[in-house]
N, C-alpha and C. Protein backbone atom coordinates (compact mmCIF):
# COMPACT_ATOMS: atom_id res chain seq x y z
N MET A 1 -109.25 169.98 217.39
CA MET A 1 -109.32 170.46 218.76
C MET A 1 -110.54 171.34 218.91
N LYS A 2 -111.26 171.10 219.97
CA LYS A 2 -112.44 171.90 220.25
C LYS A 2 -112.35 172.39 221.68
N LEU A 3 -112.35 173.70 221.84
CA LEU A 3 -112.30 174.26 223.18
C LEU A 3 -113.65 174.12 223.85
N SER A 4 -113.63 173.90 225.14
CA SER A 4 -114.88 173.74 225.89
C SER A 4 -115.51 175.10 226.19
N THR A 5 -116.69 175.04 226.75
CA THR A 5 -117.37 176.27 227.16
C THR A 5 -116.58 176.98 228.26
N ARG A 6 -115.75 176.24 228.96
CA ARG A 6 -114.93 176.87 230.01
C ARG A 6 -114.09 178.00 229.41
N SER A 7 -113.42 177.73 228.29
CA SER A 7 -112.59 178.76 227.65
C SER A 7 -113.44 179.84 227.01
N ARG A 8 -114.48 179.46 226.33
CA ARG A 8 -115.31 180.45 225.64
C ARG A 8 -115.99 181.38 226.65
N TYR A 9 -116.60 180.81 227.68
CA TYR A 9 -117.28 181.63 228.69
C TYR A 9 -116.27 182.38 229.55
N GLY A 10 -115.14 181.74 229.84
CA GLY A 10 -114.11 182.40 230.63
C GLY A 10 -113.56 183.64 229.94
N LEU A 11 -113.36 183.54 228.65
CA LEU A 11 -112.87 184.70 227.89
C LEU A 11 -113.94 185.79 227.83
N ARG A 12 -115.19 185.40 227.67
CA ARG A 12 -116.28 186.40 227.70
C ARG A 12 -116.36 187.08 229.06
N PHE A 13 -116.22 186.30 230.12
CA PHE A 13 -116.25 186.82 231.48
C PHE A 13 -115.14 187.84 231.69
N LEU A 14 -113.92 187.47 231.33
CA LEU A 14 -112.78 188.37 231.52
C LEU A 14 -112.84 189.59 230.61
N THR A 15 -113.38 189.42 229.41
CA THR A 15 -113.54 190.54 228.49
C THR A 15 -114.52 191.55 229.07
N GLU A 16 -115.64 191.06 229.58
CA GLU A 16 -116.63 191.95 230.20
C GLU A 16 -116.04 192.66 231.41
N LEU A 17 -115.33 191.92 232.24
CA LEU A 17 -114.71 192.49 233.43
C LEU A 17 -113.70 193.57 233.05
N ALA A 18 -112.84 193.27 232.09
CA ALA A 18 -111.81 194.23 231.66
C ALA A 18 -112.40 195.44 230.94
N SER A 19 -113.53 195.26 230.28
CA SER A 19 -114.11 196.37 229.51
C SER A 19 -114.73 197.44 230.39
N ARG A 20 -114.91 197.14 231.64
CA ARG A 20 -115.56 198.10 232.54
C ARG A 20 -114.64 199.23 232.99
N ASN A 21 -113.34 199.12 232.72
CA ASN A 21 -112.39 200.20 233.03
C ASN A 21 -112.55 200.74 234.44
N THR A 22 -112.64 199.86 235.40
CA THR A 22 -112.78 200.30 236.78
C THR A 22 -111.79 199.55 237.65
N ASN A 23 -111.37 200.21 238.70
CA ASN A 23 -110.50 199.56 239.68
C ASN A 23 -111.31 199.03 240.85
N GLU A 24 -112.61 199.01 240.67
CA GLU A 24 -113.51 198.51 241.71
C GLU A 24 -113.91 197.08 241.38
N PRO A 25 -114.10 196.25 242.40
CA PRO A 25 -114.57 194.88 242.15
C PRO A 25 -115.95 194.88 241.52
N VAL A 26 -116.20 193.88 240.70
CA VAL A 26 -117.48 193.75 240.00
C VAL A 26 -118.15 192.46 240.47
N PHE A 27 -119.45 192.55 240.74
CA PHE A 27 -120.20 191.37 241.16
C PHE A 27 -120.28 190.36 240.03
N LEU A 28 -120.12 189.11 240.37
CA LEU A 28 -120.20 188.03 239.39
C LEU A 28 -121.58 188.02 238.73
N GLY A 29 -122.61 188.28 239.51
CA GLY A 29 -123.97 188.29 238.99
C GLY A 29 -124.18 189.34 237.91
N ASP A 30 -123.53 190.49 238.05
CA ASP A 30 -123.65 191.55 237.04
C ASP A 30 -123.06 191.11 235.71
N ILE A 31 -121.92 190.45 235.77
CA ILE A 31 -121.28 189.97 234.54
C ILE A 31 -122.08 188.82 233.95
N ALA A 32 -122.55 187.93 234.80
CA ALA A 32 -123.35 186.79 234.32
C ALA A 32 -124.59 187.28 233.58
N LYS A 33 -125.23 188.28 234.14
CA LYS A 33 -126.44 188.83 233.51
C LYS A 33 -126.12 189.49 232.17
N LYS A 34 -125.06 190.30 232.15
CA LYS A 34 -124.69 191.03 230.94
C LYS A 34 -124.28 190.06 229.81
N GLN A 35 -123.59 188.97 230.17
CA GLN A 35 -123.09 188.02 229.18
C GLN A 35 -124.04 186.84 228.97
N ASP A 36 -125.15 186.82 229.69
CA ASP A 36 -126.14 185.74 229.58
C ASP A 36 -125.50 184.36 229.82
N ILE A 37 -124.75 184.29 230.92
CA ILE A 37 -124.10 183.06 231.35
C ILE A 37 -124.53 182.80 232.79
N SER A 38 -124.76 181.57 233.12
CA SER A 38 -125.16 181.20 234.47
C SER A 38 -124.11 181.67 235.49
N GLU A 39 -124.58 182.32 236.54
CA GLU A 39 -123.67 182.76 237.60
C GLU A 39 -123.01 181.56 238.26
N LYS A 40 -123.76 180.49 238.40
CA LYS A 40 -123.21 179.27 239.01
C LYS A 40 -122.06 178.71 238.16
N TYR A 41 -122.22 178.75 236.84
CA TYR A 41 -121.16 178.27 235.95
C TYR A 41 -119.93 179.17 236.04
N LEU A 42 -120.15 180.48 236.03
CA LEU A 42 -119.03 181.41 236.13
C LEU A 42 -118.28 181.24 237.45
N SER A 43 -119.00 180.92 238.51
CA SER A 43 -118.34 180.75 239.81
C SER A 43 -117.35 179.59 239.77
N LYS A 44 -117.58 178.61 238.90
CA LYS A 44 -116.65 177.48 238.76
C LYS A 44 -115.40 177.88 237.98
N LEU A 45 -115.50 178.91 237.16
CA LEU A 45 -114.36 179.36 236.36
C LEU A 45 -113.43 180.27 237.17
N VAL A 46 -113.95 180.85 238.22
CA VAL A 46 -113.19 181.79 239.04
C VAL A 46 -111.98 181.10 239.68
N ILE A 47 -112.15 179.88 240.14
CA ILE A 47 -111.08 179.20 240.88
C ILE A 47 -109.82 179.02 240.03
N PRO A 48 -109.89 178.43 238.82
CA PRO A 48 -108.66 178.30 238.05
C PRO A 48 -108.09 179.64 237.58
N LEU A 49 -108.94 180.63 237.37
CA LEU A 49 -108.45 181.95 236.97
C LEU A 49 -107.72 182.64 238.12
N ARG A 50 -108.19 182.43 239.34
CA ARG A 50 -107.49 182.97 240.51
C ARG A 50 -106.18 182.24 240.72
N THR A 51 -106.20 180.92 240.59
CA THR A 51 -105.00 180.12 240.76
C THR A 51 -103.92 180.52 239.75
N ALA A 52 -104.33 180.87 238.54
CA ALA A 52 -103.39 181.27 237.49
C ALA A 52 -102.91 182.72 237.67
N GLY A 53 -103.46 183.43 238.64
CA GLY A 53 -103.03 184.80 238.89
C GLY A 53 -103.63 185.82 237.94
N ILE A 54 -104.71 185.45 237.28
CA ILE A 54 -105.37 186.36 236.33
C ILE A 54 -106.45 187.18 237.02
N LEU A 55 -107.06 186.60 238.02
CA LEU A 55 -108.23 187.18 238.68
C LEU A 55 -107.98 187.25 240.17
N THR A 56 -108.56 188.25 240.81
CA THR A 56 -108.51 188.36 242.26
C THR A 56 -109.92 188.62 242.77
N SER A 57 -110.20 188.18 243.97
CA SER A 57 -111.52 188.39 244.55
C SER A 57 -111.42 189.28 245.78
N VAL A 58 -112.48 190.03 246.01
CA VAL A 58 -112.57 190.91 247.16
C VAL A 58 -113.84 190.54 247.92
N ARG A 59 -113.70 190.23 249.18
CA ARG A 59 -114.86 189.85 249.99
C ARG A 59 -115.57 191.08 250.55
N GLY A 60 -116.79 190.86 250.96
CA GLY A 60 -117.54 191.92 251.64
C GLY A 60 -118.66 192.47 250.79
N THR A 61 -119.36 193.44 251.36
CA THR A 61 -120.52 194.01 250.67
C THR A 61 -120.14 194.76 249.40
N HIS A 62 -118.95 195.28 249.34
CA HIS A 62 -118.49 195.96 248.14
C HIS A 62 -117.47 195.10 247.40
N GLY A 63 -117.57 193.81 247.61
CA GLY A 63 -116.62 192.87 247.01
C GLY A 63 -117.01 192.49 245.60
N GLY A 64 -116.28 191.56 245.08
CA GLY A 64 -116.51 191.09 243.72
C GLY A 64 -115.20 190.60 243.14
N TYR A 65 -115.05 190.74 241.83
CA TYR A 65 -113.87 190.25 241.14
C TYR A 65 -113.21 191.36 240.35
N MET A 66 -111.87 191.26 240.29
CA MET A 66 -111.06 192.22 239.54
C MET A 66 -109.95 191.46 238.85
N LEU A 67 -109.41 192.05 237.81
CA LEU A 67 -108.23 191.47 237.18
C LEU A 67 -107.03 191.68 238.09
N SER A 68 -106.15 190.69 238.14
CA SER A 68 -104.93 190.81 238.93
C SER A 68 -103.84 191.54 238.17
N LYS A 69 -103.99 191.60 236.85
CA LYS A 69 -103.00 192.24 235.98
C LYS A 69 -103.72 193.18 235.03
N LEU A 70 -102.95 194.01 234.39
CA LEU A 70 -103.51 194.85 233.33
C LEU A 70 -103.96 193.96 232.18
N PRO A 71 -105.02 194.33 231.46
CA PRO A 71 -105.46 193.53 230.31
C PRO A 71 -104.37 193.33 229.26
N SER A 72 -103.46 194.29 229.16
CA SER A 72 -102.36 194.18 228.20
C SER A 72 -101.34 193.11 228.61
N ALA A 73 -101.38 192.68 229.87
CA ALA A 73 -100.43 191.69 230.37
C ALA A 73 -101.02 190.28 230.45
N VAL A 74 -102.28 190.14 230.02
CA VAL A 74 -102.94 188.83 230.05
C VAL A 74 -103.13 188.36 228.61
N THR A 75 -102.65 187.16 228.31
CA THR A 75 -102.83 186.63 226.96
C THR A 75 -103.95 185.60 226.94
N VAL A 76 -104.51 185.42 225.77
CA VAL A 76 -105.56 184.41 225.61
C VAL A 76 -104.99 183.03 225.89
N ARG A 77 -103.71 182.82 225.59
CA ARG A 77 -103.09 181.53 225.90
C ARG A 77 -103.14 181.25 227.39
N GLU A 78 -102.81 182.25 228.21
CA GLU A 78 -102.87 182.08 229.66
C GLU A 78 -104.27 181.69 230.12
N ILE A 79 -105.26 182.35 229.56
CA ILE A 79 -106.64 182.11 229.95
C ILE A 79 -107.05 180.69 229.57
N VAL A 80 -106.79 180.31 228.34
CA VAL A 80 -107.16 178.97 227.87
C VAL A 80 -106.43 177.89 228.66
N GLU A 81 -105.15 178.07 228.89
CA GLU A 81 -104.39 177.08 229.66
C GLU A 81 -104.92 176.96 231.08
N ALA A 82 -105.30 178.08 231.69
CA ALA A 82 -105.84 178.04 233.04
C ALA A 82 -107.17 177.28 233.09
N LEU A 83 -107.98 177.47 232.08
CA LEU A 83 -109.32 176.89 232.09
C LEU A 83 -109.39 175.47 231.50
N GLU A 84 -108.50 175.17 230.58
CA GLU A 84 -108.52 173.85 229.93
C GLU A 84 -107.47 172.90 230.51
N GLY A 85 -106.50 173.44 231.24
CA GLY A 85 -105.44 172.61 231.78
C GLY A 85 -104.33 172.34 230.78
N GLY A 86 -104.25 173.10 229.74
CA GLY A 86 -103.21 172.95 228.73
C GLY A 86 -103.75 173.17 227.34
N LEU A 87 -102.87 173.08 226.36
CA LEU A 87 -103.25 173.32 224.97
C LEU A 87 -102.93 172.14 224.05
N GLN A 88 -102.69 170.99 224.60
CA GLN A 88 -102.33 169.84 223.78
C GLN A 88 -103.51 169.43 222.89
N VAL A 89 -103.27 169.29 221.58
CA VAL A 89 -104.33 168.85 220.67
C VAL A 89 -104.54 167.36 220.78
N VAL A 90 -103.49 166.63 221.10
CA VAL A 90 -103.59 165.20 221.38
C VAL A 90 -102.70 164.92 222.60
N GLU A 91 -102.99 163.86 223.29
CA GLU A 91 -102.21 163.57 224.50
C GLU A 91 -100.79 163.10 224.18
N CYS A 92 -100.61 162.50 223.00
CA CYS A 92 -99.26 162.05 222.67
C CYS A 92 -98.59 163.10 221.80
N SER A 93 -97.49 163.59 222.27
CA SER A 93 -96.69 164.55 221.51
C SER A 93 -95.28 164.49 222.06
N ASN A 94 -94.39 165.24 221.49
CA ASN A 94 -92.99 165.23 221.94
C ASN A 94 -92.85 165.62 223.41
N SER A 95 -93.81 166.38 223.93
CA SER A 95 -93.71 166.82 225.31
C SER A 95 -94.20 165.75 226.29
N ASN A 96 -94.74 164.64 225.77
CA ASN A 96 -95.23 163.57 226.63
C ASN A 96 -94.18 162.46 226.69
N ASP A 97 -93.37 162.49 227.69
CA ASP A 97 -92.30 161.50 227.83
C ASP A 97 -92.80 160.13 228.25
N ASP A 98 -94.06 160.02 228.63
CA ASP A 98 -94.60 158.74 229.09
C ASP A 98 -94.95 157.80 227.94
N CYS A 99 -94.93 158.29 226.73
CA CYS A 99 -95.34 157.47 225.59
C CYS A 99 -94.19 156.55 225.17
N SER A 100 -94.46 155.26 225.19
CA SER A 100 -93.43 154.28 224.82
C SER A 100 -93.17 154.26 223.31
N ARG A 101 -94.11 154.78 222.54
CA ARG A 101 -93.98 154.76 221.09
C ARG A 101 -93.26 155.99 220.55
N LEU A 102 -93.02 156.96 221.40
CA LEU A 102 -92.45 158.23 220.98
C LEU A 102 -91.14 158.12 220.19
N PRO A 103 -90.17 157.28 220.60
CA PRO A 103 -88.91 157.24 219.85
C PRO A 103 -89.07 156.88 218.37
N GLY A 104 -90.02 156.06 218.02
CA GLY A 104 -90.20 155.66 216.63
C GLY A 104 -91.42 156.26 215.97
N CYS A 105 -92.04 157.24 216.62
CA CYS A 105 -93.30 157.80 216.10
C CYS A 105 -93.01 158.86 215.03
N ALA A 106 -93.61 158.67 213.87
CA ALA A 106 -93.40 159.59 212.75
C ALA A 106 -94.35 160.79 212.79
N VAL A 107 -95.43 160.71 213.55
CA VAL A 107 -96.42 161.79 213.52
C VAL A 107 -96.41 162.68 214.76
N SER A 108 -95.64 162.31 215.78
CA SER A 108 -95.64 163.12 217.00
C SER A 108 -95.17 164.54 216.73
N GLU A 109 -94.26 164.70 215.76
CA GLU A 109 -93.77 166.04 215.42
C GLU A 109 -94.88 166.90 214.82
N ILE A 110 -95.81 166.28 214.13
CA ILE A 110 -96.94 167.02 213.57
C ILE A 110 -97.78 167.61 214.70
N TRP A 111 -98.09 166.77 215.69
CA TRP A 111 -98.92 167.24 216.80
C TRP A 111 -98.20 168.30 217.61
N GLU A 112 -96.90 168.11 217.82
CA GLU A 112 -96.12 169.09 218.56
C GLU A 112 -96.07 170.42 217.80
N GLY A 113 -95.92 170.35 216.49
CA GLY A 113 -95.92 171.56 215.67
C GLY A 113 -97.25 172.29 215.74
N LEU A 114 -98.33 171.53 215.71
CA LEU A 114 -99.66 172.13 215.81
C LEU A 114 -99.85 172.76 217.18
N ASN A 115 -99.41 172.09 218.23
CA ASN A 115 -99.46 172.67 219.58
C ASN A 115 -98.73 174.02 219.61
N ASN A 116 -97.57 174.06 218.99
CA ASN A 116 -96.77 175.29 218.99
C ASN A 116 -97.45 176.42 218.22
N VAL A 117 -98.05 176.09 217.09
CA VAL A 117 -98.74 177.11 216.29
C VAL A 117 -99.91 177.69 217.07
N ILE A 118 -100.70 176.84 217.69
CA ILE A 118 -101.84 177.31 218.48
C ILE A 118 -101.37 178.14 219.65
N SER A 119 -100.37 177.66 220.37
CA SER A 119 -99.84 178.37 221.52
C SER A 119 -99.30 179.75 221.12
N ASP A 120 -98.52 179.80 220.05
CA ASP A 120 -97.95 181.07 219.59
C ASP A 120 -99.04 182.04 219.16
N TYR A 121 -100.06 181.54 218.47
CA TYR A 121 -101.17 182.39 218.01
C TYR A 121 -101.90 183.01 219.20
N LEU A 122 -102.25 182.18 220.19
CA LEU A 122 -102.99 182.67 221.35
C LEU A 122 -102.12 183.56 222.24
N GLU A 123 -100.82 183.34 222.23
CA GLU A 123 -99.90 184.18 223.01
C GLU A 123 -99.84 185.60 222.45
N ASP A 124 -100.07 185.75 221.17
CA ASP A 124 -100.02 187.07 220.53
C ASP A 124 -101.29 187.90 220.72
N ILE A 125 -102.31 187.32 221.32
CA ILE A 125 -103.58 188.03 221.53
C ILE A 125 -103.72 188.35 223.01
N THR A 126 -103.79 189.64 223.31
CA THR A 126 -103.95 190.05 224.71
C THR A 126 -105.43 190.29 225.01
N LEU A 127 -105.73 190.26 226.29
CA LEU A 127 -107.09 190.58 226.72
C LEU A 127 -107.44 192.01 226.32
N GLU A 128 -106.46 192.88 226.33
CA GLU A 128 -106.67 194.27 225.92
C GLU A 128 -107.17 194.35 224.47
N SER A 129 -106.57 193.57 223.58
CA SER A 129 -107.00 193.59 222.18
C SER A 129 -108.39 192.98 222.02
N VAL A 130 -108.72 192.00 222.83
CA VAL A 130 -110.07 191.41 222.79
C VAL A 130 -111.09 192.44 223.26
N VAL A 131 -110.76 193.17 224.31
CA VAL A 131 -111.66 194.21 224.83
C VAL A 131 -111.86 195.30 223.78
N ARG A 132 -110.79 195.68 223.11
CA ARG A 132 -110.90 196.71 222.06
C ARG A 132 -111.88 196.25 220.97
N ARG A 133 -111.74 195.01 220.55
CA ARG A 133 -112.64 194.46 219.51
C ARG A 133 -114.08 194.35 220.03
N TYR A 134 -114.22 193.99 221.29
CA TYR A 134 -115.54 193.88 221.93
C TYR A 134 -116.26 195.23 221.90
N LYS A 135 -115.53 196.28 222.24
CA LYS A 135 -116.13 197.61 222.24
C LYS A 135 -116.48 198.07 220.83
N GLU A 136 -115.64 197.72 219.85
CA GLU A 136 -115.95 198.04 218.45
C GLU A 136 -117.24 197.34 218.03
N LYS A 137 -117.37 196.09 218.36
CA LYS A 137 -118.57 195.31 218.01
C LYS A 137 -119.81 195.90 218.67
N GLN A 138 -119.67 196.34 219.91
CA GLN A 138 -120.80 196.95 220.60
C GLN A 138 -121.24 198.22 219.90
N ARG A 139 -120.28 199.05 219.48
CA ARG A 139 -120.61 200.29 218.76
C ARG A 139 -121.29 199.99 217.43
N GLU A 140 -120.82 198.93 216.74
CA GLU A 140 -121.40 198.56 215.44
C GLU A 140 -122.84 198.12 215.56
N THR A 141 -123.21 197.56 216.71
CA THR A 141 -124.58 197.04 216.86
C THR A 141 -125.54 198.02 217.50
N LEU A 142 -125.03 199.20 217.90
CA LEU A 142 -125.91 200.21 218.48
C LEU A 142 -126.80 200.79 217.39
N PRO A 143 -128.08 201.05 217.72
CA PRO A 143 -128.96 201.66 216.71
C PRO A 143 -128.54 203.11 216.45
N PHE A 144 -128.81 203.55 215.24
CA PHE A 144 -128.51 204.94 214.90
C PHE A 144 -129.48 205.86 215.61
N VAL A 145 -128.96 206.97 216.09
CA VAL A 145 -129.78 207.97 216.73
C VAL A 145 -129.69 209.23 215.89
N TYR A 146 -130.85 209.70 215.43
CA TYR A 146 -130.89 210.90 214.63
C TYR A 146 -131.37 212.05 215.46
N GLU A 147 -130.69 213.15 215.40
CA GLU A 147 -131.11 214.35 216.12
C GLU A 147 -131.33 215.47 215.12
N ILE A 148 -132.30 216.29 215.43
CA ILE A 148 -132.61 217.43 214.58
C ILE A 148 -132.37 218.71 215.33
């Protein structure tokens, strides 16, 4: 399974937004610039994130985007599912009732098990924990400042 840039950039977008610790809307262009992602591409990610209830938009001169929930209430699983349309590693699994081969399939349980492991893993990671790690990484990359 390979996640698309939608999930990778979407998580970077939401991490940057959440790391700002503000209750004010943030311009999409500001986040795009900071994360070195096309603003046009990010604008396409906004729609599924709003539909999933993760993001909200504010119109007007002081408008922009804000999280709809606290970062501690948003999981990476929610984000990936919103942007990818699900977490299925293969289209045929126990959850796909349309498969005529399912009753006699010996490997569908493997794929379903893998789906569950991935889903459970991503469910345990909150946006808050990603932001915490993001800030740690930023501190680690800051140059040392010596004062006398």
